[in-house]
Amino acid sequence: MSESIENNYKPQIIIEENAIVVGEVYCDKNLELKGTVKGMVTTDAFIALQSGSVYINHIYNGSVIEPQLPSQYCGLQLETTQTKVAKWLY
């Protein structure tokens, strides 16, 4: 018996061009970032749908600017936070 694994290449959240988010974005699946996040992004994968192609873990014309998060912002309070290394660079 063979199992079929269907890949999900659709973004669950899309931040459009010229959109500005101040704070944190939490997405447990795919995020397409075309605008600007002034803060932090937590996602399973970035998706870029451009010119009929799907790019996984790419940001196309979007940006994440962490230092512009206001010092008064306290952040998301998640019960369990798992951290792991995405990729070691040597």
Protein backbone atom coordinates (compact mmCIF):
# COMPACT_ATOMS: atom_id res chain seq x y z
CA MET A 1 0.00 0.00 0.00
CA SER A 2 1.46 3.36 -0.98
CA GLU A 3 0.59 6.57 0.74
CA SER A 4 0.04 9.73 -1.23
CA ILE A 5 1.38 12.86 0.40
CA GLU A 6 -0.31 15.95 -0.98
CA ASN A 7 1.78 19.10 -0.72
CA ASN A 8 -0.03 22.26 0.27
CA TYR A 9 1.40 25.13 -1.76
CA LYS A 10 -1.40 27.57 -0.98
CA PRO A 11 -0.73 30.38 1.49
CA GLN A 12 -3.02 30.48 4.50
CA ILE A 13 -2.11 34.14 5.13
CA ILE A 14 -1.23 36.70 2.46
CA ILE A 15 0.26 40.06 3.40
CA GLU A 16 -0.19 42.12 0.25
CA GLU A 17 2.10 44.76 -1.26
CA ASN A 18 2.03 48.11 0.55
CA ALA A 19 0.57 46.45 3.66
CA ILE A 20 2.38 47.20 6.93
CA VAL A 21 1.93 44.99 9.99
CA VAL A 22 3.31 46.29 13.30
CA GLY A 23 3.68 43.46 15.81
CA GLU A 24 3.88 39.72 15.29
CA VAL A 25 2.49 37.42 12.62
CA TYR A 26 1.86 33.80 13.59
CA CYS A 27 0.98 31.34 10.83
CA ASP A 28 1.11 27.58 11.45
CA LYS A 29 1.17 26.77 7.71
CA ASN A 30 2.24 28.85 4.67
CA LEU A 31 2.65 32.64 4.60
CA GLU A 32 3.01 34.76 1.48
CA LEU A 33 4.75 38.00 2.43
CA LYS A 34 4.68 40.79 -0.15
CA GLY A 35 4.38 43.70 2.30
CA THR A 36 6.28 44.72 5.42
CA VAL A 37 6.21 43.31 8.94
CA LYS A 38 7.68 45.65 11.54
CA GLY A 39 8.23 43.03 14.19
CA MET A 40 8.45 39.25 14.09
CA VAL A 41 7.13 36.44 11.85
CA THR A 42 6.56 32.85 12.97
CA THR A 43 5.54 30.48 10.19
CA ASP A 44 6.01 26.92 8.99
CA ALA A 45 7.05 28.12 5.51
CA PHE A 46 7.18 31.20 3.33
CA ILE A 47 5.53 30.78 -0.07
CA ALA A 48 5.99 33.02 -3.11
CA LEU A 49 3.57 32.55 -6.00
CA GLN A 50 5.20 34.40 -8.88
CA SER A 51 4.97 34.08 -12.67
CA GLY A 52 3.09 30.78 -12.49
CA SER A 53 5.67 29.18 -10.21
CA VAL A 54 5.68 28.31 -6.51
CA TYR A 55 8.76 29.20 -4.48
CA ILE A 56 9.03 27.61 -1.05
CA ASN A 57 10.80 29.54 1.74
CA HIS A 58 11.18 32.63 -0.42
CA ILE A 59 10.07 36.19 0.26
CA TYR A 60 9.31 38.15 -2.92
CA ASN A 61 9.45 41.96 -2.44
CA GLY A 62 8.47 41.61 1.23
CA SER A 63 10.44 42.48 4.33
CA VAL A 64 10.66 41.77 8.04
CA ILE A 65 12.12 44.63 10.07
CA GLU A 66 12.56 43.48 13.67
CA PRO A 67 14.22 46.59 15.20
CA GLN A 68 11.16 48.74 14.37
CA LEU A 69 8.95 46.87 16.85
CA PRO A 70 7.92 49.37 19.55
CA SER A 71 9.56 48.76 22.94
CA GLN A 72 6.08 48.83 24.57
CA TYR A 73 5.00 45.72 22.62
CA CYS A 74 4.93 42.69 24.93
CA GLY A 75 4.55 39.99 22.25
CA LEU A 76 2.49 36.84 21.82
CA GLN A 77 2.13 34.61 24.84
CA LEU A 78 2.32 31.07 23.48
CA GLU A 79 2.02 28.16 25.91
CA THR A 80 4.53 25.93 24.17
CA THR A 81 7.31 27.27 22.05
CA GLN A 82 9.61 24.87 20.26
CA THR A 83 12.75 26.23 18.70
CA LYS A 84 14.91 24.40 16.22
CA VAL A 85 17.68 25.16 13.79
CA ALA A 86 16.41 25.71 10.27
CA LYS A 87 19.81 25.15 8.69
CA TRP A 88 23.37 25.27 9.93
CA LEU A 89 25.60 27.59 7.90
CA TYR A 90 29.35 27.07 7.88
